[in-house]
Amino acid sequence: MRGSLLMNRRGLQRFRQLAVTATGSAKIKILLFCCIAFTLLALPGWASKFMGWSNLSAPDDRLQAPGKGYAIVMNTWKRYDLLKQSIAHYASCSELDSIHIVWSEPDPPSESLVAHLNHILQSKSRGPRQVELKFDINKEDSLNNRFKEIKDLKTDAVFSIDDDVIFPCSSVEFAFRVWQSAPDNMVGFVPRAHWLEQSHDNNKYYSYGGWWSVWWTGTYSMVLSKAAFFHKKYLRLYTNEMPASLKDYITKNRNCEDIAMSFLVANATDAPPVWVKGKIFEIGSTGISSLGGHKDRRSQCINRFVAEFGRMPLVSTTVKAVDSRSSWFW
């Protein structure tokens, strides 16, 4: 009898060991299956990132909304290779209506350059759509030229962009959707901040905050016009209502026209801009932001603009628009 009980107990223990082993094996198999499935789902996105920005530029036609598209207003200066590269990229974006090149060089664009850019647009056209190319010629070399009113602009939406930055068309189209939901606001990819400091004489003094300030605090109050959507009405306001003293200040110092536009829009809306998350590819050389004293000069601009406007119109926010279709963490 004892032997029988002992054998039963040993059999029961053996059965439990086998059950635990089987359960552990099943868990391992499930875990391996989940890892493989995750890898298969994530691999296409990772591969496209490693292949570069050109593979990310295909627009998603399923998300196209009815109505007018947008116009690109591109600032350039004697960087013809970059201009050609940028035009070739953005010409394939699905809702682009026209490209306006802000030309402030002393000589007009050459016939060969115009012909080359038009050939690019023709070759990149999709179906019956033909993107229109125009050069907005300026006699004076001034950063204010990028915000001159364009009389024959067909679209309400303006995408202001520099010739040395590239965003995938999918990111541009997503930012356009965001702008359509808030057409009075600036919607852009490059956020910046400001904050209030107290000087020794107890007067208000504002400081300019670059990217690292935004990254550290999660707060911003501007999106730079090197890559931003805004309504075409702000071109008219900038041209006709921006104080001449401020435009002269910008021309003289060759800086801060983007801050001036942020002031103008915030002053009209009493609302913050919208920062859209997007991958930026800088294809040009280092700009003025890398020069010594850049932050101090930008801070001086902010305080000069506050004095002219009679108040601080910029509104800080922590909101960020993220395209959840292409982001695991958002």
Protein backbone atom coordinates (compact mmCIF):
# COMPACT_ATOMS: atom_id res chain seq x y z
CA MET A 1 0.00 0.00 0.00
CA ARG A 2 2.80 2.37 0.91
CA GLY A 3 4.63 1.57 -2.29
CA SER A 4 1.49 2.27 -4.24
CA LEU A 5 1.02 5.66 -2.58
CA LEU A 6 4.66 6.53 -3.16
CA MET A 7 4.35 5.64 -6.82
CA ASN A 8 1.20 7.75 -7.12
CA ARG A 9 2.91 10.74 -5.52
CA ARG A 10 5.94 10.40 -7.78
CA GLY A 11 3.66 10.14 -10.80
CA LEU A 12 1.78 13.26 -9.72
CA GLN A 13 5.02 15.21 -9.26
CA ARG A 14 6.25 14.04 -12.65
CA PHE A 15 2.97 15.15 -14.22
CA ARG A 16 3.28 18.60 -12.61
CA GLN A 17 6.85 18.96 -13.89
CA LEU A 18 5.72 18.09 -17.39
CA ALA A 19 2.83 20.57 -17.16
CA VAL A 20 5.13 23.37 -16.01
CA THR A 21 7.62 22.53 -18.76
CA ALA A 22 4.86 22.52 -21.39
CA THR A 23 3.45 25.82 -20.11
CA GLY A 24 6.91 27.45 -20.18
CA SER A 25 7.52 26.14 -23.68
CA ALA A 26 4.18 27.54 -24.84
CA LYS A 27 5.01 30.96 -23.36
CA ILE A 28 8.38 30.96 -25.11
CA LYS A 29 6.75 30.08 -28.41
CA ILE A 30 4.18 32.85 -28.00
CA LEU A 31 6.95 35.33 -27.13
CA LEU A 32 8.98 34.29 -30.18
CA PHE A 33 5.90 34.61 -32.39
CA CYS A 34 5.24 38.15 -31.09
CA CYS A 35 8.88 39.16 -31.71
CA ILE A 36 8.78 37.83 -35.26
CA ALA A 37 5.46 39.54 -35.98
CA PHE A 38 6.74 42.86 -34.58
CA THR A 39 9.88 42.59 -36.73
CA LEU A 40 7.89 41.91 -39.89
CA LEU A 41 5.59 44.87 -39.22
CA ALA A 42 8.35 47.32 -38.31
CA LEU A 43 10.92 46.27 -40.93
CA PRO A 44 9.36 48.17 -43.89
CA GLY A 45 9.31 51.43 -41.93
CA TRP A 46 12.89 50.99 -40.73
CA ALA A 47 14.05 50.07 -44.22
CA SER A 48 12.52 53.21 -45.72
CA LYS A 49 14.27 55.36 -43.15
CA PHE A 50 17.64 53.78 -43.91
CA MET A 51 17.10 54.27 -47.64
CA GLY A 52 16.81 58.07 -47.28
CA TRP A 53 14.27 60.85 -47.68
CA SER A 54 13.53 60.19 -51.36
CA ASN A 55 11.78 56.94 -50.46
CA LEU A 56 9.57 58.73 -47.94
CA SER A 57 8.24 61.28 -50.37
CA ALA A 58 5.41 59.29 -51.93
CA PRO A 59 2.10 60.94 -51.01
CA ASP A 60 -0.90 59.04 -49.69
CA ASP A 61 -3.64 59.67 -52.26
CA ARG A 62 -6.27 58.14 -50.01
CA LEU A 63 -6.05 61.14 -47.64
CA GLN A 64 -6.51 63.85 -50.25
CA ALA A 65 -9.32 66.19 -49.26
CA PRO A 66 -11.46 68.09 -51.74
CA GLY A 67 -10.69 71.74 -52.33
CA LYS A 68 -7.68 73.80 -53.22
CA GLY A 69 -4.15 72.73 -52.49
CA TYR A 70 -1.23 74.88 -51.43
CA ALA A 71 1.47 77.05 -52.95
CA ILE A 72 5.14 76.81 -52.10
CA VAL A 73 6.97 80.10 -51.57
CA MET A 74 10.66 79.23 -51.67
CA ASN A 75 13.43 81.57 -50.62
CA THR A 76 16.73 81.15 -52.45
CA TRP A 77 20.04 82.91 -53.02
CA LYS A 78 22.69 81.79 -55.53
CA ARG A 79 22.40 78.09 -54.74
CA TYR A 80 21.14 76.75 -58.03
CA ASP A 81 21.99 73.11 -57.37
CA LEU A 82 20.01 73.18 -54.12
CA LEU A 83 17.15 74.97 -55.85
CA LYS A 84 16.98 72.30 -58.56
CA GLN A 85 17.10 69.52 -55.99
CA SER A 86 14.34 71.06 -53.88
CA ILE A 87 12.07 71.75 -56.85
CA ALA A 88 12.58 68.19 -58.12
CA HIS A 89 11.53 66.83 -54.74
CA TYR A 90 8.50 68.98 -53.96
CA ALA A 91 7.15 68.84 -57.54
CA SER A 92 5.95 65.30 -56.84
CA CYS A 93 3.86 66.27 -53.80
CA SER A 94 0.24 65.53 -54.62
CA GLU A 95 -1.61 68.71 -53.57
CA LEU A 96 0.97 71.25 -54.68
CA ASP A 97 -0.61 73.89 -56.94
CA SER A 98 2.28 76.27 -57.67
CA ILE A 99 5.85 77.15 -56.75
CA HIS A 100 6.86 80.78 -56.30
CA ILE A 101 10.61 81.39 -56.10
CA VAL A 102 11.57 84.51 -54.17
CA TRP A 103 14.37 85.95 -56.33
CA SER A 104 16.42 88.79 -54.81
CA GLU A 105 19.64 88.45 -56.79
CA PRO A 106 20.92 91.43 -58.82
CA ASP A 107 20.58 89.52 -62.11
CA PRO A 108 17.36 87.81 -63.25
CA PRO A 109 17.26 84.01 -63.47
CA SER A 110 18.93 82.66 -66.59
CA GLU A 111 16.86 81.16 -69.40
CA SER A 112 18.62 77.84 -68.92
CA LEU A 113 17.70 77.73 -65.23
CA VAL A 114 14.05 78.55 -65.92
CA ALA A 115 13.90 75.96 -68.71
CA HIS A 116 15.51 73.31 -66.51
CA LEU A 117 13.08 73.90 -63.63
CA ASN A 118 10.07 73.84 -65.95
CA HIS A 119 11.30 70.57 -67.44
CA ILE A 120 11.53 69.14 -63.93
CA LEU A 121 7.94 70.15 -63.19
CA GLN A 122 6.68 68.65 -66.45
CA SER A 123 8.45 65.37 -65.81
CA LYS A 124 7.16 65.17 -62.23
CA SER A 125 3.53 66.02 -63.04
CA ARG A 126 1.00 63.36 -62.13
CA GLY A 127 -1.85 62.89 -64.60
CA PRO A 128 -3.51 66.10 -65.80
CA ARG A 129 -2.08 68.11 -62.91
CA GLN A 130 0.58 70.65 -63.88
CA VAL A 131 2.40 72.59 -61.16
CA GLU A 132 2.90 76.23 -62.09
CA LEU A 133 6.33 77.83 -61.64
CA LYS A 134 6.80 81.56 -61.09
CA PHE A 135 9.76 83.75 -60.20
CA ASP A 136 8.92 86.69 -57.96
CA ILE A 137 11.65 89.14 -58.97
CA ASN A 138 12.73 91.76 -56.41
CA LYS A 139 14.92 94.77 -57.02
CA GLU A 140 16.12 94.99 -53.43
CA ASP A 141 17.97 92.26 -51.56
CA SER A 142 15.96 91.98 -48.35
CA LEU A 143 14.72 89.12 -46.19
CA ASN A 144 11.35 90.86 -46.18
CA ASN A 145 10.94 89.80 -49.82
CA ARG A 146 9.89 86.31 -48.80
CA PHE A 147 6.70 87.75 -47.32
CA LYS A 148 5.71 90.12 -50.11
CA GLU A 149 2.10 89.86 -51.16
CA ILE A 150 1.50 87.65 -54.22
CA LYS A 151 -1.45 89.12 -56.10
CA ASP A 152 -2.27 86.12 -58.31
CA LEU A 153 -1.97 83.42 -55.66
CA LYS A 154 -4.70 80.84 -56.30
CA THR A 155 -4.55 78.98 -53.01
CA ASP A 156 -5.24 80.13 -49.47
CA ALA A 157 -2.49 77.94 -48.05
CA VAL A 158 1.15 79.01 -48.36
CA PHE A 159 4.00 76.64 -47.53
CA SER A 160 7.02 78.84 -46.83
CA ILE A 161 10.26 76.90 -47.27
CA ASP A 162 13.98 77.51 -47.69
CA ASP A 163 15.79 75.98 -50.64
CA ASP A 164 18.12 73.93 -48.44
CA VAL A 165 15.62 71.88 -46.42
CA ILE A 166 13.72 68.80 -47.56
CA PHE A 167 10.69 67.20 -45.95
CA PRO A 168 9.03 64.02 -47.24
CA CYS A 169 5.87 64.77 -49.20
CA SER A 170 3.91 62.64 -46.74
CA SER A 171 5.00 64.96 -43.91
CA VAL A 172 4.12 68.06 -45.93
CA GLU A 173 0.68 66.66 -46.78
CA PHE A 174 0.07 65.84 -43.11
CA ALA A 175 1.07 69.38 -42.07
CA PHE A 176 -1.31 70.71 -44.73
CA ARG A 177 -4.13 68.67 -43.14
CA VAL A 178 -3.27 70.13 -39.75
CA TRP A 179 -3.28 73.64 -41.20
CA GLN A 180 -6.70 73.04 -42.78
CA SER A 181 -8.04 72.38 -39.28
CA ALA A 182 -6.59 75.70 -38.03
CA PRO A 183 -6.15 77.97 -41.10
CA ASP A 184 -5.56 81.16 -39.08
CA ASN A 185 -2.56 79.69 -37.26
CA MET A 186 0.99 79.04 -38.37
CA VAL A 187 1.70 75.33 -38.70
CA GLY A 188 5.31 74.29 -39.06
CA PHE A 189 8.13 71.86 -38.47
CA VAL A 190 10.76 74.02 -36.71
CA PRO A 191 9.67 75.22 -33.24
CA ARG A 192 11.35 77.93 -31.20
CA ALA A 193 10.62 79.55 -27.84
CA HIS A 194 10.89 82.74 -25.86
CA TRP A 195 10.90 83.40 -22.14
CA LEU A 196 10.70 86.38 -19.83
CA GLU A 197 13.65 87.56 -17.80
CA GLN A 198 13.97 90.49 -15.40
CA SER A 199 16.74 93.00 -16.01
CA HIS A 200 18.49 95.01 -13.29
CA ASP A 201 16.21 98.02 -13.73
CA ASN A 202 13.12 95.77 -13.32
CA ASN A 203 12.09 96.18 -16.96
CA LYS A 204 10.83 93.19 -18.89
CA TYR A 205 13.42 91.53 -21.08
CA TYR A 206 12.71 88.52 -23.30
CA SER A 207 15.19 85.88 -24.41
CA TYR A 208 15.13 83.73 -27.51
CA GLY A 209 15.17 79.96 -27.09
CA GLY A 210 16.55 77.66 -29.78
CA TRP A 211 15.85 74.01 -30.40
CA TRP A 212 17.49 72.76 -27.20
CA SER A 213 15.24 75.01 -25.13
CA VAL A 214 12.22 73.48 -26.84
CA TRP A 215 13.59 69.97 -26.36
CA TRP A 216 14.32 70.53 -22.67
CA THR A 217 11.07 72.25 -21.70
CA GLY A 218 8.63 70.80 -24.24
CA THR A 219 7.33 74.35 -24.76
CA TYR A 220 7.44 76.60 -27.82
CA SER A 221 5.84 79.85 -29.03
CA MET A 222 7.01 80.12 -32.66
CA VAL A 223 7.44 77.95 -35.73
CA LEU A 224 10.04 79.28 -38.14
CA SER A 225 9.03 80.24 -41.66
CA LYS A 226 11.84 78.14 -43.12
CA ALA A 227 9.23 75.35 -43.11
CA ALA A 228 5.71 76.49 -42.21
CA PHE A 229 2.16 76.79 -43.51
CA PHE A 230 0.15 79.98 -43.10
CA HIS A 231 -2.76 81.74 -44.79
CA LYS A 232 -1.97 83.99 -47.76
CA LYS A 233 -3.66 86.92 -46.01
CA TYR A 234 -0.61 87.24 -43.79
CA LEU A 235 1.49 88.11 -46.84
CA ARG A 236 -0.80 91.08 -47.40
CA LEU A 237 -0.65 92.06 -43.74
CA TYR A 238 3.14 91.81 -43.67
CA THR A 239 3.48 93.87 -46.86
CA ASN A 240 1.01 96.59 -45.95
CA GLU A 241 0.79 96.73 -42.17
CA MET A 242 4.12 95.62 -40.75
CA PRO A 243 5.80 98.82 -39.42
CA ALA A 244 8.35 100.14 -41.89
CA SER A 245 10.83 100.62 -39.04
CA LEU A 246 10.77 96.88 -38.33
CA LYS A 247 11.22 95.97 -41.98
CA ASP A 248 14.16 98.37 -42.18
CA TYR A 249 15.61 96.78 -39.05
CA ILE A 250 15.30 93.31 -40.61
CA THR A 251 16.90 94.45 -43.88
CA LYS A 252 19.79 96.10 -42.06
CA ASN A 253 20.51 93.19 -39.72
CA ARG A 254 19.69 90.41 -42.23
CA ASN A 255 17.90 88.43 -39.54
CA CYS A 256 14.60 87.88 -37.73
CA GLU A 257 12.05 88.12 -40.56
CA ASP A 258 10.74 84.74 -39.37
CA ILE A 259 10.25 86.07 -35.84
CA ALA A 260 8.46 89.11 -37.28
CA MET A 261 5.99 86.86 -39.11
CA SER A 262 5.39 84.88 -35.91
CA PHE A 263 4.65 88.16 -34.10
CA LEU A 264 2.27 89.28 -36.86
CA VAL A 265 0.25 86.04 -36.84
CA ALA A 266 0.13 85.80 -33.04
CA ASN A 267 -0.90 89.45 -32.80
CA ALA A 268 -3.82 88.74 -35.17
CA THR A 269 -4.96 85.48 -33.56
CA ASP A 270 -3.93 85.62 -29.87
CA ALA A 271 -3.22 81.92 -30.33
CA PRO A 272 -0.10 79.75 -30.44
CA PRO A 273 1.27 78.09 -33.57
CA VAL A 274 1.15 74.33 -34.16
CA TRP A 275 4.33 72.28 -34.27
CA VAL A 276 4.15 69.26 -36.57
CA LYS A 277 6.62 66.46 -35.98
CA GLY A 278 8.58 65.67 -39.13
CA LYS A 279 11.96 64.49 -40.30
CA ILE A 280 14.03 67.34 -41.74
CA PHE A 281 16.87 66.80 -44.22
CA GLU A 282 19.22 69.77 -44.49
CA ILE A 283 20.97 69.65 -47.87
CA GLY A 284 22.82 72.96 -47.68
CA SER A 285 25.72 74.33 -45.71
CA THR A 286 25.43 75.61 -42.16
CA GLY A 287 23.27 78.72 -41.84
CA ILE A 288 23.42 81.88 -39.74
CA SER A 289 22.11 80.04 -36.68
CA SER A 290 25.56 78.50 -36.22
CA LEU A 291 27.30 81.87 -36.04
CA GLY A 292 28.48 83.29 -32.73
CA GLY A 293 26.06 85.62 -31.00
CA HIS A 294 23.04 84.30 -32.89
CA LYS A 295 20.92 83.85 -29.77
CA ASP A 296 21.73 87.37 -28.53
CA ARG A 297 20.79 88.92 -31.87
CA ARG A 298 17.52 87.01 -31.94
CA SER A 299 16.77 88.13 -28.37
CA GLN A 300 17.38 91.74 -29.40
CA CYS A 301 14.91 91.27 -32.26
CA ILE A 302 12.23 89.97 -29.92
CA ASN A 303 12.57 92.93 -27.57
CA ARG A 304 12.60 95.39 -30.46
CA PHE A 305 9.42 93.83 -31.85
CA VAL A 306 7.73 93.91 -28.41
CA ALA A 307 8.45 97.63 -28.21
CA GLU A 308 6.98 98.23 -31.68
CA PHE A 309 3.89 96.06 -31.13
CA GLY A 310 3.32 97.51 -27.67
CA ARG A 311 2.97 94.04 -26.13
CA MET A 312 4.23 90.47 -26.27
CA PRO A 313 1.79 88.67 -28.61
CA LEU A 314 3.56 85.28 -28.68
CA VAL A 315 1.64 82.51 -26.92
CA SER A 316 3.45 79.46 -25.56
CA THR A 317 2.11 75.93 -25.92
CA THR A 318 3.11 72.29 -25.46
CA VAL A 319 0.91 70.83 -28.20
CA LYS A 320 2.55 68.80 -30.97
CA ALA A 321 0.84 67.23 -33.99
CA VAL A 322 2.09 63.72 -34.79
CA ASP A 323 1.07 61.49 -37.68
CA SER A 324 0.20 58.32 -35.78
CA ARG A 325 0.19 56.24 -38.99
CA SER A 326 3.96 56.37 -39.15
CA SER A 327 4.91 56.61 -35.45
CA TRP A 328 5.01 53.89 -32.84
CA PHE A 329 5.35 56.38 -29.99
CA TRP A 330 3.26 59.56 -30.17
